[in-house]
Protein backbone atom coordinates (compact mmCIF):
# COMPACT_ATOMS: atom_id res chain seq x y z
CA UNK A 1 0.00 0.00 0.00
CA UNK A 2 1.22 3.48 -0.79
CA UNK A 3 -0.34 6.59 0.70
CA UNK A 4 0.35 10.29 0.42
CA UNK A 5 -0.53 12.28 3.53
CA UNK A 6 -0.60 16.00 4.27
CA UNK A 7 0.01 16.92 7.91
CA UNK A 8 -1.00 20.32 9.27
CA UNK A 9 -0.45 20.71 13.01
CA UNK A 10 -2.45 17.92 14.69
CA UNK A 11 -4.47 17.17 11.53
CA UNK A 12 -3.60 14.67 8.82
CA UNK A 13 -5.33 14.17 5.48
CA UNK A 14 -4.83 11.24 3.10
CA UNK A 15 -4.27 12.75 -0.35
CA UNK A 16 -4.04 9.50 -2.28
CA UNK A 17 -3.65 5.78 -1.72
CA UNK A 18 -2.83 2.77 -3.84
CA UNK A 19 -3.67 -0.79 -2.80
CA UNK A 20 -2.33 -4.01 -4.24
CA UNK A 21 -4.21 -6.29 -1.84
CA UNK A 22 -0.95 -6.57 0.08
CA UNK A 23 0.49 -9.00 -2.45
CA UNK A 24 3.54 -8.61 -4.65
CA UNK A 25 5.69 -11.03 -6.60
CA UNK A 26 8.98 -9.59 -7.82
CA UNK A 27 12.76 -9.81 -7.60
CA UNK A 28 14.75 -7.53 -5.30
CA UNK A 29 16.54 -4.91 -7.42
CA UNK A 30 18.23 -2.92 -4.63
CA UNK A 31 18.68 -3.02 -0.87
CA UNK A 32 19.09 -0.13 1.59
CA UNK A 33 20.46 -1.81 4.72
CA UNK A 34 20.62 1.45 6.68
CA UNK A 35 16.87 2.00 6.26
CA UNK A 36 16.02 -1.73 6.33
CA UNK A 37 14.20 -1.39 3.01
CA UNK A 38 14.46 -2.85 -0.46
CA UNK A 39 13.13 -2.24 -3.96
CA UNK A 40 11.19 -5.07 -5.63
CA UNK A 41 9.63 -4.27 -8.98
CA UNK A 42 8.03 -0.84 -8.60
CA UNK A 43 7.60 -1.27 -4.85
CA UNK A 44 9.76 -0.02 -2.01
CA UNK A 45 9.35 -2.38 0.94
CA UNK A 46 10.19 -0.83 4.31
CA UNK A 47 10.74 -3.18 7.23
CA UNK A 48 11.19 -2.64 10.95
CA UNK A 49 13.15 -4.59 13.54
CA UNK A 50 9.96 -6.55 14.31
CA UNK A 51 9.33 -7.55 10.65
CA UNK A 52 9.47 -11.33 10.21
CA UNK A 53 11.00 -12.53 6.92
CA UNK A 54 10.53 -16.18 6.02
CA UNK A 55 11.90 -18.55 3.42
CA UNK A 56 9.52 -21.47 3.60
CA UNK A 57 9.27 -22.30 7.29
CA UNK A 58 12.70 -20.78 8.09
CA UNK A 59 12.96 -17.24 9.53
CA UNK A 60 15.82 -15.27 7.96
CA UNK A 61 17.37 -11.95 8.99
CA UNK A 62 17.08 -8.86 6.77
CA UNK A 63 20.85 -9.05 6.24
CA UNK A 64 20.39 -12.36 4.33
CA UNK A 65 18.37 -10.67 1.55
CA UNK A 66 20.25 -10.30 -1.73
CA UNK A 67 19.62 -8.48 -5.00
CA UNK A 68 17.93 -10.98 -7.32
CA UNK A 69 16.03 -12.80 -4.54
CA UNK A 70 12.38 -13.42 -5.38
CA UNK A 71 9.89 -12.05 -2.85
CA UNK A 72 6.17 -12.59 -2.42
PDB file of N, CA and C in Angstrom:
ATOM      1  N   UNK A   1       0.849  -1.159   0.000  1.00  0.00           N
ATOM      2  CA  UNK A   1       0.000   0.000   0.000  1.00  0.00           C
ATOM      3  C   UNK A   1       0.894   1.222   0.000  1.00  0.00           C
ATOM      4  N   UNK A   2       0.551   2.201  -0.787  1.00  0.00           N
ATOM      5  CA  UNK A   2       1.222   3.483  -0.790  1.00  0.00           C
ATOM      6  C   UNK A   2       0.193   4.546  -0.472  1.00  0.00           C
ATOM      7  N   UNK A   3       0.552   5.476   0.411  1.00  0.00           N
ATOM      8  CA  UNK A   3      -0.337   6.587   0.699  1.00  0.00           C
ATOM      9  C   UNK A   3       0.458   7.879   0.686  1.00  0.00           C
ATOM     10  N   UNK A   4      -0.221   8.954   0.330  1.00  0.00           N
ATOM     11  CA  UNK A   4       0.354  10.294   0.424  1.00  0.00           C
ATOM     12  C   UNK A   4      -0.488  11.043   1.438  1.00  0.00           C
ATOM     13  N   UNK A   5       0.175  11.633   2.423  1.00  0.00           N
ATOM     14  CA  UNK A   5      -0.526  12.283   3.528  1.00  0.00           C
ATOM     15  C   UNK A   5      -0.026  13.712   3.676  1.00  0.00           C
ATOM     16  N   UNK A   6      -0.948  14.635   3.921  1.00  0.00           N
ATOM     17  CA  UNK A   6      -0.604  16.004   4.271  1.00  0.00           C
ATOM     18  C   UNK A   6      -0.871  16.189   5.750  1.00  0.00           C
ATOM     19  N   UNK A   7       0.154  16.679   6.481  1.00  0.00           N
ATOM     20  CA  UNK A   7       0.013  16.917   7.912  1.00  0.00           C
ATOM     21  C   UNK A   7       0.064  18.420   8.149  1.00  0.00           C
ATOM     22  N   UNK A   8      -0.928  18.913   8.910  1.00  0.00           N
ATOM     23  CA  UNK A   8      -0.999  20.320   9.265  1.00  0.00           C
ATOM     24  C   UNK A   8      -1.294  20.392  10.758  1.00  0.00           C
ATOM     25  N   UNK A   9      -0.260  20.689  11.557  1.00  0.00           N
ATOM     26  CA  UNK A   9      -0.448  20.707  13.009  1.00  0.00           C
ATOM     27  C   UNK A   9      -0.815  19.330  13.508  1.00  0.00           C
ATOM     28  N   UNK A  10      -1.976  19.208  14.168  1.00  0.00           N
ATOM     29  CA  UNK A  10      -2.454  17.925  14.687  1.00  0.00           C
ATOM     30  C   UNK A  10      -3.381  17.212  13.718  1.00  0.00           C
ATOM     31  N   UNK A  11      -3.566  17.758  12.510  1.00  0.00           N
ATOM     32  CA  UNK A  11      -4.473  17.170  11.535  1.00  0.00           C
ATOM     33  C   UNK A  11      -3.702  16.506  10.402  1.00  0.00           C
ATOM     34  N   UNK A  12      -4.188  15.368   9.961  1.00  0.00           N
ATOM     35  CA  UNK A  12      -3.598  14.667   8.824  1.00  0.00           C
ATOM     36  C   UNK A  12      -4.696  14.336   7.835  1.00  0.00           C
ATOM     37  N   UNK A  13      -4.371  14.451   6.544  1.00  0.00           N
ATOM     38  CA  UNK A  13      -5.334  14.169   5.480  1.00  0.00           C
ATOM     39  C   UNK A  13      -4.683  13.251   4.461  1.00  0.00           C
ATOM     40  N   UNK A  14      -5.337  12.143   4.129  1.00  0.00           N
ATOM     41  CA  UNK A  14      -4.828  11.238   3.100  1.00  0.00           C
ATOM     42  C   UNK A  14      -5.152  11.846   1.740  1.00  0.00           C
ATOM     43  N   UNK A  15      -4.096  12.160   0.974  1.00  0.00           N
ATOM     44  CA  UNK A  15      -4.271  12.755  -0.348  1.00  0.00           C
ATOM     45  C   UNK A  15      -4.527  11.701  -1.418  1.00  0.00           C
ATOM     46  N   UNK A  16      -3.835  10.577  -1.308  1.00  0.00           N
ATOM     47  CA  UNK A  16      -4.039   9.502  -2.279  1.00  0.00           C
ATOM     48  C   UNK A  16      -3.577   8.195  -1.655  1.00  0.00           C
ATOM     49  N   UNK A  17      -4.082   7.096  -2.179  1.00  0.00           N
ATOM     50  CA  UNK A  17      -3.648   5.780  -1.721  1.00  0.00           C
ATOM     51  C   UNK A  17      -3.740   4.790  -2.861  1.00  0.00           C
ATOM     52  N   UNK A  18      -2.864   3.812  -2.820  1.00  0.00           N
ATOM     53  CA  UNK A  18      -2.825   2.773  -3.842  1.00  0.00           C
ATOM     54  C   UNK A  18      -2.710   1.429  -3.134  1.00  0.00           C
ATOM     55  N   UNK A  19      -3.650   0.532  -3.421  1.00  0.00           N
ATOM     56  CA  UNK A  19      -3.667  -0.792  -2.799  1.00  0.00           C
ATOM     57  C   UNK A  19      -3.321  -1.846  -3.836  1.00  0.00           C
ATOM     58  N   UNK A  20      -2.622  -2.860  -3.394  1.00  0.00           N
ATOM     59  CA  UNK A  20      -2.330  -4.009  -4.238  1.00  0.00           C
ATOM     60  C   UNK A  20      -2.714  -5.274  -3.490  1.00  0.00           C
ATOM     61  N   UNK A  21      -3.743  -5.175  -2.656  1.00  0.00           N
ATOM     62  CA  UNK A  21      -4.207  -6.293  -1.838  1.00  0.00           C
ATOM     63  C   UNK A  21      -3.092  -6.890  -0.996  1.00  0.00           C
ATOM     64  N   UNK A  22      -2.027  -6.108  -0.763  1.00  0.00           N
ATOM     65  CA  UNK A  22      -0.945  -6.566   0.082  1.00  0.00           C
ATOM     66  C   UNK A  22      -0.093  -7.656  -0.530  1.00  0.00           C
ATOM     67  N   UNK A  23      -0.250  -7.919  -1.823  1.00  0.00           N
ATOM     68  CA  UNK A  23       0.493  -8.998  -2.450  1.00  0.00           C
ATOM     69  C   UNK A  23       1.381  -8.468  -3.569  1.00  0.00           C
ATOM     70  N   UNK A  24       2.629  -8.901  -3.556  1.00  0.00           N
ATOM     71  CA  UNK A  24       3.540  -8.612  -4.653  1.00  0.00           C
ATOM     72  C   UNK A  24       4.276  -9.892  -4.997  1.00  0.00           C
ATOM     73  N   UNK A  25       4.834  -9.936  -6.173  1.00  0.00           N
ATOM     74  CA  UNK A  25       5.694 -11.028  -6.596  1.00  0.00           C
ATOM     75  C   UNK A  25       6.716 -10.407  -7.532  1.00  0.00           C
ATOM     76  N   UNK A  26       7.948 -10.269  -7.044  1.00  0.00           N
ATOM     77  CA  UNK A  26       8.980  -9.593  -7.824  1.00  0.00           C
ATOM     78  C   UNK A  26      10.356  -9.988  -7.299  1.00  0.00           C
ATOM     79  N   UNK A  27      11.382  -9.586  -8.029  1.00  0.00           N
ATOM     80  CA  UNK A  27      12.756  -9.805  -7.597  1.00  0.00           C
ATOM     81  C   UNK A  27      13.292  -8.522  -6.965  1.00  0.00           C
ATOM     82  N   UNK A  28      14.126  -8.675  -5.953  1.00  0.00           N
ATOM     83  CA  UNK A  28      14.750  -7.533  -5.305  1.00  0.00           C
ATOM     84  C   UNK A  28      15.757  -6.920  -6.274  1.00  0.00           C
ATOM     85  N   UNK A  29      15.627  -5.603  -6.502  1.00  0.00           N
ATOM     86  CA  UNK A  29      16.539  -4.914  -7.419  1.00  0.00           C
ATOM     87  C   UNK A  29      17.553  -4.045  -6.680  1.00  0.00           C
ATOM     88  N   UNK A  30      17.255  -3.658  -5.442  1.00  0.00           N
ATOM     89  CA  UNK A  30      18.228  -2.916  -4.632  1.00  0.00           C
ATOM     90  C   UNK A  30      17.850  -3.053  -3.166  1.00  0.00           C
ATOM     91  N   UNK A  31      18.866  -2.886  -2.311  1.00  0.00           N
ATOM     92  CA  UNK A  31      18.676  -3.025  -0.866  1.00  0.00           C
ATOM     93  C   UNK A  31      19.315  -1.820  -0.178  1.00  0.00           C
ATOM     94  N   UNK A  32      18.579  -1.231   0.764  1.00  0.00           N
ATOM     95  CA  UNK A  32      19.091  -0.134   1.595  1.00  0.00           C
ATOM     96  C   UNK A  32      19.152  -0.654   3.024  1.00  0.00           C
ATOM     97  N   UNK A  33      20.304  -1.197   3.399  1.00  0.00           N
ATOM     98  CA  UNK A  33      20.458  -1.810   4.720  1.00  0.00           C
ATOM     99  C   UNK A  33      20.266  -0.802   5.842  1.00  0.00           C
ATOM    100  N   UNK A  34      20.742   0.432   5.642  1.00  0.00           N
ATOM    101  CA  UNK A  34      20.620   1.454   6.677  1.00  0.00           C
ATOM    102  C   UNK A  34      19.179   1.755   7.038  1.00  0.00           C
ATOM    103  N   UNK A  35      18.294   1.734   6.034  1.00  0.00           N
ATOM    104  CA  UNK A  35      16.866   2.001   6.262  1.00  0.00           C
ATOM    105  C   UNK A  35      16.038   0.732   6.350  1.00  0.00           C
ATOM    106  N   UNK A  36      16.713  -0.433   6.300  1.00  0.00           N
ATOM    107  CA  UNK A  36      16.016  -1.732   6.333  1.00  0.00           C
ATOM    108  C   UNK A  36      14.880  -1.779   5.314  1.00  0.00           C
ATOM    109  N   UNK A  37      15.196  -1.370   4.077  1.00  0.00           N
ATOM    110  CA  UNK A  37      14.199  -1.386   3.005  1.00  0.00           C
ATOM    111  C   UNK A  37      14.827  -1.967   1.751  1.00  0.00           C
ATOM    112  N   UNK A  38      13.965  -2.363   0.816  1.00  0.00           N
ATOM    113  CA  UNK A  38      14.462  -2.854  -0.464  1.00  0.00           C
ATOM    114  C   UNK A  38      13.462  -2.530  -1.556  1.00  0.00           C
ATOM    115  N   UNK A  39      13.954  -2.494  -2.781  1.00  0.00           N
ATOM    116  CA  UNK A  39      13.133  -2.242  -3.962  1.00  0.00           C
ATOM    117  C   UNK A  39      12.862  -3.586  -4.620  1.00  0.00           C
ATOM    118  N   UNK A  40      11.589  -3.851  -4.926  1.00  0.00           N
ATOM    119  CA  UNK A  40      11.194  -5.073  -5.635  1.00  0.00           C
ATOM    120  C   UNK A  40      10.156  -4.666  -6.669  1.00  0.00           C
ATOM    121  N   UNK A  41      10.507  -4.784  -7.941  1.00  0.00           N
ATOM    122  CA  UNK A  41       9.628  -4.273  -8.984  1.00  0.00           C
ATOM    123  C   UNK A  41       9.491  -2.767  -8.813  1.00  0.00           C
ATOM    124  N   UNK A  42       8.268  -2.266  -8.791  1.00  0.00           N
ATOM    125  CA  UNK A  42       8.034  -0.835  -8.604  1.00  0.00           C
ATOM    126  C   UNK A  42       7.779  -0.493  -7.145  1.00  0.00           C
ATOM    127  N   UNK A  43       7.915  -1.452  -6.264  1.00  0.00           N
ATOM    128  CA  UNK A  43       7.598  -1.266  -4.854  1.00  0.00           C
ATOM    129  C   UNK A  43       8.844  -1.042  -4.017  1.00  0.00           C
ATOM    130  N   UNK A  44       8.746  -0.154  -3.042  1.00  0.00           N
ATOM    131  CA  UNK A  44       9.764  -0.021  -2.007  1.00  0.00           C
ATOM    132  C   UNK A  44       9.177  -0.635  -0.752  1.00  0.00           C
ATOM    133  N   UNK A  45       9.825  -1.657  -0.237  1.00  0.00           N
ATOM    134  CA  UNK A  45       9.354  -2.376   0.939  1.00  0.00           C
ATOM    135  C   UNK A  45      10.176  -1.902   2.128  1.00  0.00           C
ATOM    136  N   UNK A  46       9.516  -1.306   3.102  1.00  0.00           N
ATOM    137  CA  UNK A  46      10.193  -0.834   4.308  1.00  0.00           C
ATOM    138  C   UNK A  46       9.872  -1.791   5.445  1.00  0.00           C
ATOM    139  N   UNK A  47      10.924  -2.260   6.114  1.00  0.00           N
ATOM    140  CA  UNK A  47      10.737  -3.184   7.226  1.00  0.00           C
ATOM    141  C   UNK A  47      11.120  -2.483   8.534  1.00  0.00           C
ATOM    142  N   UNK A  48      10.782  -3.124   9.634  1.00  0.00           N
ATOM    143  CA  UNK A  48      11.194  -2.645  10.955  1.00  0.00           C
ATOM    144  C   UNK A  48      11.938  -3.793  11.635  1.00  0.00           C
ATOM    145  N   UNK A  49      12.433  -3.540  12.820  1.00  0.00           N
ATOM    146  CA  UNK A  49      13.146  -4.589  13.544  1.00  0.00           C
ATOM    147  C   UNK A  49      12.208  -5.718  13.969  1.00  0.00           C
ATOM    148  N   UNK A  50      10.901  -5.481  13.951  1.00  0.00           N
ATOM    149  CA  UNK A  50       9.956  -6.547  14.313  1.00  0.00           C
ATOM    150  C   UNK A  50       9.392  -7.280  13.091  1.00  0.00           C
ATOM    151  N   UNK A  51       9.798  -6.877  11.866  1.00  0.00           N
ATOM    152  CA  UNK A  51       9.333  -7.548  10.653  1.00  0.00           C
ATOM    153  C   UNK A  51       9.905  -8.964  10.602  1.00  0.00           C
ATOM    154  N   UNK A  52       9.042  -9.936  10.330  1.00  0.00           N
ATOM    155  CA  UNK A  52       9.471 -11.328  10.209  1.00  0.00           C
ATOM    156  C   UNK A  52       9.575 -11.665   8.725  1.00  0.00           C
ATOM    157  N   UNK A  53      10.757 -12.130   8.309  1.00  0.00           N
ATOM    158  CA  UNK A  53      10.995 -12.527   6.922  1.00  0.00           C
ATOM    159  C   UNK A  53      11.190 -14.033   6.920  1.00  0.00           C
ATOM    160  N   UNK A  54      10.472 -14.722   6.047  1.00  0.00           N
ATOM    161  CA  UNK A  54      10.532 -16.184   6.018  1.00  0.00           C
ATOM    162  C   UNK A  54      10.934 -16.680   4.630  1.00  0.00           C
ATOM    163  N   UNK A  55      11.628 -17.782   4.637  1.00  0.00           N
ATOM    164  CA  UNK A  55      11.899 -18.551   3.423  1.00  0.00           C
ATOM    165  C   UNK A  55      11.389 -19.940   3.731  1.00  0.00           C
ATOM    166  N   UNK A  56      10.186 -20.229   3.213  1.00  0.00           N
ATOM    167  CA  UNK A  56       9.518 -21.473   3.603  1.00  0.00           C
ATOM    168  C   UNK A  56       9.158 -21.365   5.075  1.00  0.00           C
ATOM    169  N   UNK A  57       9.572 -22.333   5.864  1.00  0.00           N
ATOM    170  CA  UNK A  57       9.272 -22.296   7.294  1.00  0.00           C
ATOM    171  C   UNK A  57      10.429 -21.700   8.106  1.00  0.00           C
ATOM    172  N   UNK A  58      11.518 -21.310   7.427  1.00  0.00           N
ATOM    173  CA  UNK A  58      12.699 -20.781   8.094  1.00  0.00           C
ATOM    174  C   UNK A  58      12.629 -19.250   8.178  1.00  0.00           C
ATOM    175  N   UNK A  59      12.882 -18.684   9.351  1.00  0.00           N
ATOM    176  CA  UNK A  59      12.964 -17.241   9.527  1.00  0.00           C
ATOM    177  C   UNK A  59      14.385 -16.807   9.190  1.00  0.00           C
ATOM    178  N   UNK A  60      14.500 -15.765   8.357  1.00  0.00           N
ATOM    179  CA  UNK A  60      15.821 -15.272   7.956  1.00  0.00           C
ATOM    180  C   UNK A  60      15.960 -13.800   8.332  1.00  0.00           C
ATOM    181  N   UNK A  61      17.169 -13.359   8.668  1.00  0.00           N
ATOM    182  CA  UNK A  61      17.366 -11.948   8.991  1.00  0.00           C
ATOM    183  C   UNK A  61      17.376 -11.086   7.732  1.00  0.00           C
ATOM    184  N   UNK A  62      17.063  -9.806   7.890  1.00  0.00           N
ATOM    185  CA  UNK A  62      17.080  -8.863   6.771  1.00  0.00           C
ATOM    186  C   UNK A  62      18.432  -8.915   6.056  1.00  0.00           C
ATOM    187  N   UNK A  63      19.500  -9.067   6.806  1.00  0.00           N
ATOM    188  CA  UNK A  63      20.849  -9.054   6.237  1.00  0.00           C
ATOM    189  C   UNK A  63      21.097 -10.207   5.257  1.00  0.00           C
ATOM    190  N   UNK A  64      20.250 -11.245   5.268  1.00  0.00           N
ATOM    191  CA  UNK A  64      20.393 -12.359   4.329  1.00  0.00           C
ATOM    192  C   UNK A  64      19.774 -12.076   2.959  1.00  0.00           C
ATOM    193  N   UNK A  65      18.979 -11.003   2.848  1.00  0.00           N
ATOM    194  CA  UNK A  65      18.373 -10.666   1.555  1.00  0.00           C
ATOM    195  C   UNK A  65      19.458 -10.246   0.576  1.00  0.00           C
ATOM    196  N   UNK A  66      19.275 -10.628  -0.687  1.00  0.00           N
ATOM    197  CA  UNK A  66      20.247 -10.303  -1.734  1.00  0.00           C
ATOM    198  C   UNK A  66      19.514  -9.815  -2.989  1.00  0.00           C
ATOM    199  N   UNK A  67      20.164  -8.910  -3.724  1.00  0.00           N
ATOM    200  CA  UNK A  67      19.617  -8.479  -4.997  1.00  0.00           C
ATOM    201  C   UNK A  67      19.434  -9.714  -5.863  1.00  0.00           C
ATOM    202  N   UNK A  68      18.266  -9.822  -6.494  1.00  0.00           N
ATOM    203  CA  UNK A  68      17.927 -10.982  -7.317  1.00  0.00           C
ATOM    204  C   UNK A  68      17.029 -11.969  -6.615  1.00  0.00           C
ATOM    205  N   UNK A  69      16.947 -11.910  -5.274  1.00  0.00           N
ATOM    206  CA  UNK A  69      16.032 -12.796  -4.541  1.00  0.00           C
ATOM    207  C   UNK A  69      14.595 -12.511  -4.959  1.00  0.00           C
ATOM    208  N   UNK A  70      13.809 -13.553  -5.065  1.00  0.00           N
ATOM    209  CA  UNK A  70      12.379 -13.424  -5.381  1.00  0.00           C
ATOM    210  C   UNK A  70      11.604 -13.255  -4.081  1.00  0.00           C
ATOM    211  N   UNK A  71      10.711 -12.278  -4.043  1.00  0.00           N
ATOM    212  CA  UNK A  71       9.892 -12.046  -2.849  1.00  0.00           C
ATOM    213  C   UNK A  71       8.422 -12.102  -3.214  1.00  0.00           C
ATOM    214  N   UNK A  72       7.625 -12.560  -2.266  1.00  0.00           N
ATOM    215  CA  UNK A  72       6.166 -12.593  -2.417  1.00  0.00           C
ATOM    216  C   UNK A  72       5.559 -12.078  -1.160  1.00  0.00           C
TER     217      UNK A  72
END
